[in-house]
PDB file of N, CA and C in Angstrom:
ATOM      1  N   MET A   1     -31.828 -17.816   8.475  1.00  0.00           N
ATOM      2  CA  MET A   1     -30.380 -17.915   8.395  1.00  0.00           C
ATOM      3  C   MET A   1     -29.884 -18.753   9.573  1.00  0.00           C
ATOM      4  N   THR A   2     -29.035 -19.691   9.304  1.00  0.00           N
ATOM      5  CA  THR A   2     -28.529 -20.565  10.362  1.00  0.00           C
ATOM      6  C   THR A   2     -27.394 -19.882  11.111  1.00  0.00           C
ATOM      7  N   GLU A   3     -27.029 -20.471  12.263  1.00  0.00           N
ATOM      8  CA  GLU A   3     -25.919 -19.931  13.052  1.00  0.00           C
ATOM      9  C   GLU A   3     -24.626 -19.965  12.246  1.00  0.00           C
ATOM     10  N   ARG A   4     -24.446 -21.003  11.453  1.00  0.00           N
ATOM     11  CA  ARG A   4     -23.246 -21.124  10.617  1.00  0.00           C
ATOM     12  C   ARG A   4     -23.184 -19.977   9.608  1.00  0.00           C
ATOM     13  N   ASP A   5     -24.326 -19.652   8.988  1.00  0.00           N
ATOM     14  CA  ASP A   5     -24.376 -18.552   8.028  1.00  0.00           C
ATOM     15  C   ASP A   5     -24.039 -17.221   8.697  1.00  0.00           C
ATOM     16  N   MET A   6     -24.493 -17.037   9.921  1.00  0.00           N
ATOM     17  CA  MET A   6     -24.244 -15.787  10.651  1.00  0.00           C
ATOM     18  C   MET A   6     -22.751 -15.583  10.905  1.00  0.00           C
ATOM     19  N   THR A   7     -22.042 -16.649  11.213  1.00  0.00           N
ATOM     20  CA  THR A   7     -20.614 -16.506  11.501  1.00  0.00           C
ATOM     21  C   THR A   7     -19.789 -16.391  10.228  1.00  0.00           C
ATOM     22  N   ALA A   8     -20.318 -16.840   9.102  1.00  0.00           N
ATOM     23  CA  ALA A   8     -19.571 -16.818   7.846  1.00  0.00           C
ATOM     24  C   ALA A   8     -19.554 -15.431   7.207  1.00  0.00           C
ATOM     25  N   ARG A   9     -20.583 -14.659   7.416  1.00  0.00           N
ATOM     26  CA  ARG A   9     -20.632 -13.351   6.756  1.00  0.00           C
ATOM     27  C   ARG A   9     -19.820 -12.319   7.539  1.00  0.00           C
ATOM     28  N   PRO A  10     -19.252 -11.330   6.838  1.00  0.00           N
ATOM     29  CA  PRO A  10     -18.501 -10.287   7.545  1.00  0.00           C
ATOM     30  C   PRO A  10     -19.434  -9.455   8.421  1.00  0.00           C
ATOM     31  N   ARG A  11     -18.920  -8.991   9.518  1.00  0.00           N
ATOM     32  CA  ARG A  11     -19.725  -8.162  10.418  1.00  0.00           C
ATOM     33  C   ARG A  11     -19.872  -6.764   9.839  1.00  0.00           C
ATOM     34  N   LYS A  12     -21.037  -6.188  10.033  1.00  0.00           N
ATOM     35  CA  LYS A  12     -21.269  -4.808   9.620  1.00  0.00           C
ATOM     36  C   LYS A  12     -20.668  -3.886  10.666  1.00  0.00           C
ATOM     37  N   VAL A  13     -20.274  -2.702  10.235  1.00  0.00           N
ATOM     38  CA  VAL A  13     -19.669  -1.741  11.159  1.00  0.00           C
ATOM     39  C   VAL A  13     -20.600  -1.454  12.330  1.00  0.00           C
ATOM     40  N   ALA A  14     -21.900  -1.403  12.087  1.00  0.00           N
ATOM     41  CA  ALA A  14     -22.865  -1.104  13.151  1.00  0.00           C
ATOM     42  C   ALA A  14     -22.899  -2.180  14.231  1.00  0.00           C
ATOM     43  N   GLU A  15     -22.355  -3.355  13.943  1.00  0.00           N
ATOM     44  CA  GLU A  15     -22.355  -4.442  14.923  1.00  0.00           C
ATOM     45  C   GLU A  15     -21.192  -4.341  15.905  1.00  0.00           C
ATOM     46  N   TYR A  16     -20.278  -3.448  15.681  1.00  0.00           N
ATOM     47  CA  TYR A  16     -19.126  -3.278  16.572  1.00  0.00           C
ATOM     48  C   TYR A  16     -19.485  -2.287  17.673  1.00  0.00           C
ATOM     49  N   ARG A  17     -18.829  -2.411  18.817  1.00  0.00           N
ATOM     50  CA  ARG A  17     -19.074  -1.521  19.956  1.00  0.00           C
ATOM     51  C   ARG A  17     -17.754  -1.105  20.584  1.00  0.00           C
ATOM     52  N   GLY A  18     -17.741   0.073  21.206  1.00  0.00           N
ATOM     53  CA  GLY A  18     -16.610   0.539  22.001  1.00  0.00           C
ATOM     54  C   GLY A  18     -15.297   0.593  21.249  1.00  0.00           C
ATOM     55  N   GLU A  19     -14.247   0.139  21.907  1.00  0.00           N
ATOM     56  CA  GLU A  19     -12.893   0.174  21.343  1.00  0.00           C
ATOM     57  C   GLU A  19     -12.810  -0.628  20.049  1.00  0.00           C
ATOM     58  N   GLU A  20     -13.513  -1.742  20.012  1.00  0.00           N
ATOM     59  CA  GLU A  20     -13.525  -2.573  18.804  1.00  0.00           C
ATOM     60  C   GLU A  20     -14.109  -1.787  17.623  1.00  0.00           C
ATOM     61  N   ALA A  21     -15.133  -0.988  17.885  1.00  0.00           N
ATOM     62  CA  ALA A  21     -15.742  -0.168  16.835  1.00  0.00           C
ATOM     63  C   ALA A  21     -14.763   0.893  16.342  1.00  0.00           C
ATOM     64  N   ARG A  22     -14.051   1.514  17.280  1.00  0.00           N
ATOM     65  CA  ARG A  22     -13.074   2.537  16.899  1.00  0.00           C
ATOM     66  C   ARG A  22     -11.981   1.934  16.025  1.00  0.00           C
ATOM     67  N   GLU A  23     -11.480   0.779  16.443  1.00  0.00           N
ATOM     68  CA  GLU A  23     -10.417   0.112  15.684  1.00  0.00           C
ATOM     69  C   GLU A  23     -10.897  -0.307  14.298  1.00  0.00           C
ATOM     70  N   ARG A  24     -12.113  -0.821  14.220  1.00  0.00           N
ATOM     71  CA  ARG A  24     -12.660  -1.256  12.924  1.00  0.00           C
ATOM     72  C   ARG A  24     -12.882  -0.057  12.015  1.00  0.00           C
ATOM     73  N   ALA A  25     -13.393   1.037  12.572  1.00  0.00           N
ATOM     74  CA  ALA A  25     -13.615   2.240  11.770  1.00  0.00           C
ATOM     75  C   ALA A  25     -12.292   2.766  11.224  1.00  0.00           C
ATOM     76  N   ALA A  26     -11.252   2.753  12.043  1.00  0.00           N
ATOM     77  CA  ALA A  26      -9.932   3.198  11.596  1.00  0.00           C
ATOM     78  C   ALA A  26      -9.418   2.300  10.476  1.00  0.00           C
ATOM     79  N   GLN A  27      -9.608   1.002  10.632  1.00  0.00           N
ATOM     80  CA  GLN A  27      -9.163   0.047   9.614  1.00  0.00           C
ATOM     81  C   GLN A  27      -9.883   0.296   8.284  1.00  0.00           C
ATOM     82  N   VAL A  28     -11.195   0.476   8.342  1.00  0.00           N
ATOM     83  CA  VAL A  28     -11.983   0.723   7.134  1.00  0.00           C
ATOM     84  C   VAL A  28     -11.548   2.031   6.482  1.00  0.00           C
ATOM     85  N   LEU A  29     -11.340   3.062   7.288  1.00  0.00           N
ATOM     86  CA  LEU A  29     -10.914   4.363   6.781  1.00  0.00           C
ATOM     87  C   LEU A  29      -9.584   4.255   6.037  1.00  0.00           C
ATOM     88  N   MET A  30      -8.633   3.542   6.614  1.00  0.00           N
ATOM     89  CA  MET A  30      -7.323   3.376   5.974  1.00  0.00           C
ATOM     90  C   MET A  30      -7.436   2.542   4.697  1.00  0.00           C
ATOM     91  N   GLU A  31      -8.275   1.512   4.722  1.00  0.00           N
ATOM     92  CA  GLU A  31      -8.471   0.689   3.524  1.00  0.00           C
ATOM     93  C   GLU A  31      -9.095   1.502   2.398  1.00  0.00           C
ATOM     94  N   MET A  32     -10.076   2.334   2.725  1.00  0.00           N
ATOM     95  CA  MET A  32     -10.775   3.123   1.712  1.00  0.00           C
ATOM     96  C   MET A  32      -9.880   4.182   1.077  1.00  0.00           C
ATOM     97  N   THR A  33      -8.986   4.752   1.857  1.00  0.00           N
ATOM     98  CA  THR A  33      -8.144   5.838   1.349  1.00  0.00           C
ATOM     99  C   THR A  33      -6.777   5.368   0.884  1.00  0.00           C
ATOM    100  N   GLY A  34      -6.377   4.169   1.286  1.00  0.00           N
ATOM    101  CA  GLY A  34      -5.044   3.686   0.945  1.00  0.00           C
ATOM    102  C   GLY A  34      -3.954   4.315   1.786  1.00  0.00           C
ATOM    103  N   ALA A  35      -4.336   4.975   2.868  1.00  0.00           N
ATOM    104  CA  ALA A  35      -3.373   5.650   3.746  1.00  0.00           C
ATOM    105  C   ALA A  35      -2.787   4.658   4.750  1.00  0.00           C
ATOM    106  N   PRO A  36      -1.529   4.888   5.160  1.00  0.00           N
ATOM    107  CA  PRO A  36      -0.884   3.974   6.101  1.00  0.00           C
ATOM    108  C   PRO A  36      -1.317   4.149   7.555  1.00  0.00           C
ATOM    109  N   ASP A  37      -1.937   5.298   7.876  1.00  0.00           N
ATOM    110  CA  ASP A  37      -2.402   5.514   9.247  1.00  0.00           C
ATOM    111  C   ASP A  37      -3.661   6.371   9.235  1.00  0.00           C
ATOM    112  N   VAL A  38      -4.327   6.427  10.376  1.00  0.00           N
ATOM    113  CA  VAL A  38      -5.606   7.134  10.479  1.00  0.00           C
ATOM    114  C   VAL A  38      -5.448   8.627  10.203  1.00  0.00           C
ATOM    115  N   GLY A  39      -4.378   9.240  10.707  1.00  0.00           N
ATOM    116  CA  GLY A  39      -4.164  10.668  10.487  1.00  0.00           C
ATOM    117  C   GLY A  39      -4.096  11.013   9.016  1.00  0.00           C
ATOM    118  N   GLN A  40      -3.331  10.245   8.263  1.00  0.00           N
ATOM    119  CA  GLN A  40      -3.225  10.502   6.827  1.00  0.00           C
ATOM    120  C   GLN A  40      -4.539  10.189   6.115  1.00  0.00           C
ATOM    121  N   ALA A  41      -5.256   9.185   6.584  1.00  0.00           N
ATOM    122  CA  ALA A  41      -6.555   8.855   5.995  1.00  0.00           C
ATOM    123  C   ALA A  41      -7.529  10.017   6.179  1.00  0.00           C
ATOM    124  N   GLN A  42      -7.516  10.630   7.359  1.00  0.00           N
ATOM    125  CA  GLN A  42      -8.380  11.785   7.604  1.00  0.00           C
ATOM    126  C   GLN A  42      -7.991  12.943   6.700  1.00  0.00           C
ATOM    127  N   ASP A  43      -6.685  13.159   6.517  1.00  0.00           N
ATOM    128  CA  ASP A  43      -6.226  14.222   5.624  1.00  0.00           C
ATOM    129  C   ASP A  43      -6.740  14.003   4.208  1.00  0.00           C
ATOM    130  N   VAL A  44      -6.690  12.761   3.750  1.00  0.00           N
ATOM    131  CA  VAL A  44      -7.161  12.446   2.403  1.00  0.00           C
ATOM    132  C   VAL A  44      -8.647  12.761   2.283  1.00  0.00           C
ATOM    133  N   LEU A  45      -9.431  12.366   3.272  1.00  0.00           N
ATOM    134  CA  LEU A  45     -10.874  12.596   3.212  1.00  0.00           C
ATOM    135  C   LEU A  45     -11.241  14.064   3.364  1.00  0.00           C
ATOM    136  N   LEU A  46     -10.473  14.795   4.141  1.00  0.00           N
ATOM    137  CA  LEU A  46     -10.788  16.200   4.393  1.00  0.00           C
ATOM    138  C   LEU A  46     -10.194  17.129   3.341  1.00  0.00           C
ATOM    139  N   GLY A  47      -9.388  16.618   2.460  1.00  0.00           N
ATOM    140  CA  GLY A  47      -8.741  17.443   1.449  1.00  0.00           C
ATOM    141  C   GLY A  47      -7.243  17.374   1.620  1.00  0.00           C
ATOM    142  N   ARG A  48      -6.562  18.250   0.944  1.00  0.00           N
ATOM    143  CA  ARG A  48      -5.106  18.232   1.001  1.00  0.00           C
ATOM    144  C   ARG A  48      -4.622  18.584   2.399  1.00  0.00           C
ATOM    145  N   PRO A  49      -3.633  17.865   2.885  1.00  0.00           N
ATOM    146  CA  PRO A  49      -3.101  18.181   4.213  1.00  0.00           C
ATOM    147  C   PRO A  49      -2.303  19.474   4.190  1.00  0.00           C
ATOM    148  N   ARG A  50      -2.163  20.082   5.356  1.00  0.00           N
ATOM    149  CA  ARG A  50      -1.361  21.296   5.460  1.00  0.00           C
ATOM    150  C   ARG A  50       0.082  20.979   5.114  1.00  0.00           C
ATOM    151  N   LEU A  51       0.742  21.957   4.536  1.00  0.00           N
ATOM    152  CA  LEU A  51       2.149  21.778   4.193  1.00  0.00           C
ATOM    153  C   LEU A  51       2.999  21.725   5.445  1.00  0.00           C
ATOM    154  N   ARG A  52       2.701  22.639   6.364  1.00  0.00           N
ATOM    155  CA  ARG A  52       3.407  22.665   7.651  1.00  0.00           C
ATOM    156  C   ARG A  52       2.370  22.916   8.731  1.00  0.00           C
ATOM    157  N   LYS A  53       2.475  22.168   9.789  1.00  0.00           N
ATOM    158  CA  LYS A  53       1.506  22.274  10.875  1.00  0.00           C
ATOM    159  C   LYS A  53       1.491  23.696  11.432  1.00  0.00           C
ATOM    160  N   GLY A  54       0.298  24.245  11.556  1.00  0.00           N
ATOM    161  CA  GLY A  54       0.141  25.560  12.155  1.00  0.00           C
ATOM    162  C   GLY A  54       0.382  26.728  11.216  1.00  0.00           C
ATOM    163  N   GLU A  55       0.754  26.458   9.957  1.00  0.00           N
ATOM    164  CA  GLU A  55       0.994  27.547   9.012  1.00  0.00           C
ATOM    165  C   GLU A  55      -0.141  27.628   8.008  1.00  0.00           C
ATOM    166  N   GLU A  56      -0.580  28.844   7.752  1.00  0.00           N
ATOM    167  CA  GLU A  56      -1.612  29.066   6.752  1.00  0.00           C
ATOM    168  C   GLU A  56      -1.006  28.871   5.364  1.00  0.00           C
ATOM    169  N   THR A  57      -1.785  28.339   4.452  1.00  0.00           N
ATOM    170  CA  THR A  57      -1.321  28.197   3.078  1.00  0.00           C
ATOM    171  C   THR A  57      -2.133  29.110   2.170  1.00  0.00           C
ATOM    172  N   VAL A  58      -1.520  29.518   1.094  1.00  0.00           N
ATOM    173  CA  VAL A  58      -2.186  30.333   0.079  1.00  0.00           C
ATOM    174  C   VAL A  58      -1.940  29.680  -1.278  1.00  0.00           C
ATOM    175  N   GLN A  59      -2.786  29.996  -2.231  1.00  0.00           N
ATOM    176  CA  GLN A  59      -2.582  29.479  -3.578  1.00  0.00           C
ATOM    177  C   GLN A  59      -1.771  30.479  -4.381  1.00  0.00           C
ATOM    178  N   VAL A  60      -0.871  29.961  -5.202  1.00  0.00           N
ATOM    179  CA  VAL A  60      -0.061  30.785  -6.091  1.00  0.00           C
ATOM    180  C   VAL A  60      -0.326  30.298  -7.507  1.00  0.00           C
ATOM    181  N   HIS A  61      -0.656  31.221  -8.388  1.00  0.00           N
ATOM    182  CA  HIS A  61      -0.932  30.881  -9.785  1.00  0.00           C
ATOM    183  C   HIS A  61       0.005  31.678 -10.675  1.00  0.00           C
ATOM    184  N   PHE A  62       0.413  31.089 -11.782  1.00  0.00           N
ATOM    185  CA  PHE A  62       1.177  31.841 -12.770  1.00  0.00           C
ATOM    186  C   PHE A  62       0.973  31.222 -14.137  1.00  0.00           C
ATOM    187  N   LYS A  63       1.201  32.031 -15.148  1.00  0.00           N
ATOM    188  CA  LYS A  63       1.081  31.550 -16.518  1.00  0.00           C
ATOM    189  C   LYS A  63       2.446  31.131 -17.014  1.00  0.00           C
ATOM    190  N   ALA A  64       2.452  30.128 -17.880  1.00  0.00           N
ATOM    191  CA  ALA A  64       3.691  29.629 -18.465  1.00  0.00           C
ATOM    192  C   ALA A  64       3.441  29.331 -19.940  1.00  0.00           C
ATOM    193  N   THR A  65       4.509  29.361 -20.712  1.00  0.00           N
ATOM    194  CA  THR A  65       4.378  28.973 -22.115  1.00  0.00           C
ATOM    195  C   THR A  65       4.155  27.466 -22.187  1.00  0.00           C
ATOM    196  N   ARG A  66       3.692  26.998 -23.316  1.00  0.00           N
ATOM    197  CA  ARG A  66       3.497  25.560 -23.498  1.00  0.00           C
ATOM    198  C   ARG A  66       4.831  24.830 -23.344  1.00  0.00           C
ATOM    199  N   GLU A  67       5.903  25.429 -23.868  1.00  0.00           N
ATOM    200  CA  GLU A  67       7.229  24.824 -23.748  1.00  0.00           C
ATOM    201  C   GLU A  67       7.629  24.685 -22.275  1.00  0.00           C
ATOM    202  N   MET A  68       7.370  25.724 -21.489  1.00  0.00           N
ATOM    203  CA  MET A  68       7.685  25.669 -20.061  1.00  0.00           C
ATOM    204  C   MET A  68       6.863  24.579 -19.367  1.00  0.00           C
ATOM    205  N   ALA A  69       5.575  24.496 -19.707  1.00  0.00           N
ATOM    206  CA  ALA A  69       4.696  23.505 -19.085  1.00  0.00           C
ATOM    207  C   ALA A  69       5.136  22.084 -19.445  1.00  0.00           C
ATOM    208  N   THR A  70       5.543  21.887 -20.684  1.00  0.00           N
ATOM    209  CA  THR A  70       6.031  20.572 -21.110  1.00  0.00           C
ATOM    210  C   THR A  70       7.299  20.207 -20.359  1.00  0.00           C
ATOM    211  N   TRP A  71       8.223  21.150 -20.273  1.00  0.00           N
ATOM    212  CA  TRP A  71       9.476  20.917 -19.549  1.00  0.00           C
ATOM    213  C   TRP A  71       9.192  20.602 -18.083  1.00  0.00           C
ATOM    214  N   LEU A  72       8.286  21.374 -17.494  1.00  0.00           N
ATOM    215  CA  LEU A  72       7.925  21.173 -16.091  1.00  0.00           C
ATOM    216  C   LEU A  72       7.353  19.771 -15.869  1.00  0.00           C
ATOM    217  N   ALA A  73       6.473  19.333 -16.752  1.00  0.00           N
ATOM    218  CA  ALA A  73       5.885  17.995 -16.626  1.00  0.00           C
ATOM    219  C   ALA A  73       6.960  16.915 -16.744  1.00  0.00           C
ATOM    220  N   GLU A  74       7.897  17.105 -17.656  1.00  0.00           N
ATOM    221  CA  GLU A  74       8.987  16.132 -17.820  1.00  0.00           C
ATOM    222  C   GLU A  74       9.867  16.074 -16.576  1.00  0.00           C
ATOM    223  N   GLN A  75      10.200  17.229 -16.025  1.00  0.00           N
ATOM    224  CA  GLN A  75      11.046  17.277 -14.828  1.00  0.00           C
ATOM    225  C   GLN A  75      10.346  16.662 -13.625  1.00  0.00           C
ATOM    226  N   ARG A  76       9.049  16.927 -13.517  1.00  0.00           N
ATOM    227  CA  ARG A  76       8.278  16.345 -12.414  1.00  0.00           C
ATOM    228  C   ARG A  76       8.303  14.827 -12.504  1.00  0.00           C
ATOM    229  N   LYS A  77       8.057  14.299 -13.693  1.00  0.00           N
ATOM    230  CA  LYS A  77       8.079  12.843 -13.881  1.00  0.00           C
ATOM    231  C   LYS A  77       9.460  12.283 -13.574  1.00  0.00           C
ATOM    232  N   ARG A  78      10.486  12.946 -14.075  1.00  0.00           N
ATOM    233  CA  ARG A  78      11.859  12.485 -13.862  1.00  0.00           C
ATOM    234  C   ARG A  78      12.207  12.473 -12.373  1.00  0.00           C
ATOM    235  N   SER A  79      11.668  13.433 -11.631  1.00  0.00           N
ATOM    236  CA  SER A  79      11.955  13.523 -10.193  1.00  0.00           C
ATOM    237  C   SER A  79      11.204  12.459  -9.393  1.00  0.00           C
ATOM    238  N   GLY A  80      10.197  11.845 -10.017  1.00  0.00           N
ATOM    239  CA  GLY A  80       9.402  10.830  -9.330  1.00  0.00           C
ATOM    240  C   GLY A  80       8.254  11.405  -8.527  1.00  0.00           C
ATOM    241  N   MET A  81       8.039  12.702  -8.633  1.00  0.00           N
ATOM    242  CA  MET A  81       6.946  13.326  -7.884  1.00  0.00           C
ATOM    243  C   MET A  81       5.639  13.141  -8.639  1.00  0.00           C
ATOM    244  N   ARG A  82       4.576  13.058  -7.882  1.00  0.00           N
ATOM    245  CA  ARG A  82       3.270  12.768  -8.458  1.00  0.00           C
ATOM    246  C   ARG A  82       2.564  14.020  -8.981  1.00  0.00           C
ATOM    247  N   TYR A  83       2.780  15.146  -8.321  1.00  0.00           N
ATOM    248  CA  TYR A  83       2.038  16.354  -8.660  1.00  0.00           C
ATOM    249  C   TYR A  83       2.982  17.498  -9.014  1.00  0.00           C
ATOM    250  N   THR A  84       2.545  18.325  -9.966  1.00  0.00           N
ATOM    251  CA  THR A  84       3.333  19.486 -10.361  1.00  0.00           C
ATOM    252  C   THR A  84       3.501  20.439  -9.186  1.00  0.00           C
ATOM    253  N   SER A  85       2.464  20.625  -8.399  1.00  0.00           N
ATOM    254  CA  SER A  85       2.558  21.537  -7.253  1.00  0.00           C
ATOM    255  C   SER A  85       3.618  21.060  -6.267  1.00  0.00           C
ATOM    256  N   GLU A  86       3.720  19.754  -6.079  1.00  0.00           N
ATOM    257  CA  GLU A  86       4.739  19.190  -5.193  1.00  0.00           C
ATOM    258  C   GLU A  86       6.140  19.508  -5.730  1.00  0.00           C
ATOM    259  N   TYR A  87       6.324  19.356  -7.038  1.00  0.00           N
ATOM    260  CA  TYR A  87       7.616  19.633  -7.665  1.00  0.00           C
ATOM    261  C   TYR A  87       7.964  21.120  -7.541  1.00  0.00           C
ATOM    262  N   LEU A  88       6.993  21.991  -7.800  1.00  0.00           N
ATOM    263  CA  LEU A  88       7.245  23.432  -7.698  1.00  0.00           C
ATOM    264  C   LEU A  88       7.576  23.839  -6.265  1.00  0.00           C
ATOM    265  N   ARG A  89       6.875  23.269  -5.279  1.00  0.00           N
ATOM    266  CA  ARG A  89       7.198  23.572  -3.876  1.00  0.00           C
ATOM    267  C   ARG A  89       8.622  23.154  -3.546  1.00  0.00           C
ATOM    268  N   MET A  90       9.032  21.987  -4.054  1.00  0.00           N
ATOM    269  CA  MET A  90      10.394  21.515  -3.819  1.00  0.00           C
ATOM    270  C   MET A  90      11.405  22.506  -4.392  1.00  0.00           C
ATOM    271  N   LEU A  91      11.147  23.024  -5.597  1.00  0.00           N
ATOM    272  CA  LEU A  91      12.056  23.999  -6.206  1.00  0.00           C
ATOM    273  C   LEU A  91      12.138  25.277  -5.374  1.00  0.00           C
ATOM    274  N   VAL A  92      10.996  25.766  -4.929  1.00  0.00           N
ATOM    275  CA  VAL A  92      10.970  26.994  -4.125  1.00  0.00           C
ATOM    276  C   VAL A  92      11.680  26.768  -2.795  1.00  0.00           C
ATOM    277  N   GLU A  93      11.405  25.655  -2.131  1.00  0.00           N
ATOM    278  CA  GLU A  93      12.064  25.370  -0.849  1.00  0.00           C
ATOM    279  C   GLU A  93      13.572  25.242  -1.021  1.00  0.00           C
ATOM    280  N   ARG A  94      14.000  24.600  -2.091  1.00  0.00           N
ATOM    281  CA  ARG A  94      15.432  24.456  -2.355  1.00  0.00           C
ATOM    282  C   ARG A  94      16.072  25.827  -2.580  1.00  0.00           C
ATOM    283  N   ASP A  95      15.395  26.682  -3.328  1.00  0.00           N
ATOM    284  CA  ASP A  95      15.917  28.027  -3.569  1.00  0.00           C
ATOM    285  C   ASP A  95      15.937  28.842  -2.277  1.00  0.00           C
ATOM    286  N   MET A  96      14.914  28.690  -1.449  1.00  0.00           N
ATOM    287  CA  MET A  96      14.884  29.394  -0.160  1.00  0.00           C
ATOM    288  C   MET A  96      16.046  28.944   0.721  1.00  0.00           C
ATOM    289  N   ASP A  97      16.304  27.636   0.756  1.00  0.00           N
ATOM    290  CA  ASP A  97      17.422  27.106   1.545  1.00  0.00           C
ATOM    291  C   ASP A  97      18.755  27.643   1.032  1.00  0.00           C
ATOM    292  N   ASN A  98      18.932  27.650  -0.296  1.00  0.00           N
ATOM    293  CA  ASN A  98      20.169  28.179  -0.886  1.00  0.00           C
ATOM    294  C   ASN A  98      20.348  29.655  -0.558  1.00  0.00           C
ATOM    295  N   HIS A  99      19.261  30.410  -0.645  1.00  0.00           N
ATOM    296  CA  HIS A  99      19.302  31.841  -0.347  1.00  0.00           C
ATOM    297  C   HIS A  99      19.685  32.068   1.117  1.00  0.00           C
ATOM    298  N   ALA A 100      19.069  31.309   2.010  1.00  0.00           N
ATOM    299  CA  ALA A 100      19.352  31.457   3.445  1.00  0.00           C
ATOM    300  C   ALA A 100      20.800  31.099   3.755  1.00  0.00           C
ATOM    301  N   SER A 101      21.312  30.032   3.158  1.00  0.00           N
ATOM    302  CA  SER A 101      22.696  29.630   3.448  1.00  0.00           C
ATOM    303  C   SER A 101      23.694  30.630   2.871  1.00  0.00           C
ATOM    304  N   ARG A 102      23.406  31.236   1.731  1.00  0.00           N
ATOM    305  CA  ARG A 102      24.290  32.268   1.165  1.00  0.00           C
ATOM    306  C   ARG A 102      24.351  33.486   2.077  1.00  0.00           C
ATOM    307  N   HIS A 103      23.206  33.868   2.634  1.00  0.00           N
ATOM    308  CA  HIS A 103      23.172  35.043   3.505  1.00  0.00           C
ATOM    309  C   HIS A 103      23.821  34.769   4.855  1.00  0.00           C
ATOM    310  N   GLN A 104      23.753  33.545   5.335  1.00  0.00           N
ATOM    311  CA  GLN A 104      24.401  33.206   6.606  1.00  0.00           C
ATOM    312  C   GLN A 104      25.913  33.240   6.466  1.00  0.00           C
ATOM    313  N   THR A 105      26.442  32.760   5.361  1.00  0.00           N
ATOM    314  CA  THR A 105      27.899  32.743   5.171  1.00  0.00           C
ATOM    315  C   THR A 105      28.432  34.118   4.809  1.00  0.00           C
ATOM    316  N   ALA A 106      27.586  34.988   4.283  1.00  0.00           N
ATOM    317  CA  ALA A 106      28.035  36.322   3.880  1.00  0.00           C
ATOM    318  C   ALA A 106      28.121  37.288   5.058  1.00  0.00           C
ATOM    319  N   GLN A 107      27.411  37.006   6.145  1.00  0.00           N
ATOM    320  CA  GLN A 107      27.408  37.907   7.298  1.00  0.00           C
ATOM    321  C   GLN A 107      28.672  37.713   8.128  1.00  0.00           C
ATOM    322  N   PRO A 108      29.300  38.831   8.568  1.00  0.00           N
ATOM    323  CA  PRO A 108      30.501  38.713   9.408  1.00  0.00           C
ATOM    324  C   PRO A 108      30.157  38.119  10.772  1.00  0.00           C
ATOM    325  N   ALA A 109      31.094  37.396  11.330  1.00  0.00           N
ATOM    326  CA  ALA A 109      30.879  36.737  12.622  1.00  0.00           C
ATOM    327  C   ALA A 109      31.076  37.678  13.779  1.00  0.00           C
TER     328      ALA A 109
END
C-alpha cells in the first residue's frame, strides 16, 4: 500500500489516541444511535432513559378494550408522540398537575 493509499482510507478507531480517541468514540456513538449528544447516545445503548433523574421507575400494565386501544393509538398519533407509553405518561402528568392545582386553590390561605 502506498503512502497516498494510507491517507485516503478512513482511520480505524484503534488508530486514535488520548483526547482524539475520546472525541472520535463520542462521534461514532452519536452517529450510530442518531442521538444529538453523548449522554443521550449512552441512554439509547443502555436502554430507556430514566423519566426523572434519581427517581425509581416501575412498570404499569392494564387491559383495555380493542376500541380503547384503537382510540389511544389515534390520539397518540394525533399528538405527534412516538410511543403509547409516552402519551399515557403525558396524560397522567397532566392529570396530576390539574389535581395539584385544584387542591392548592381549595386550601384556605
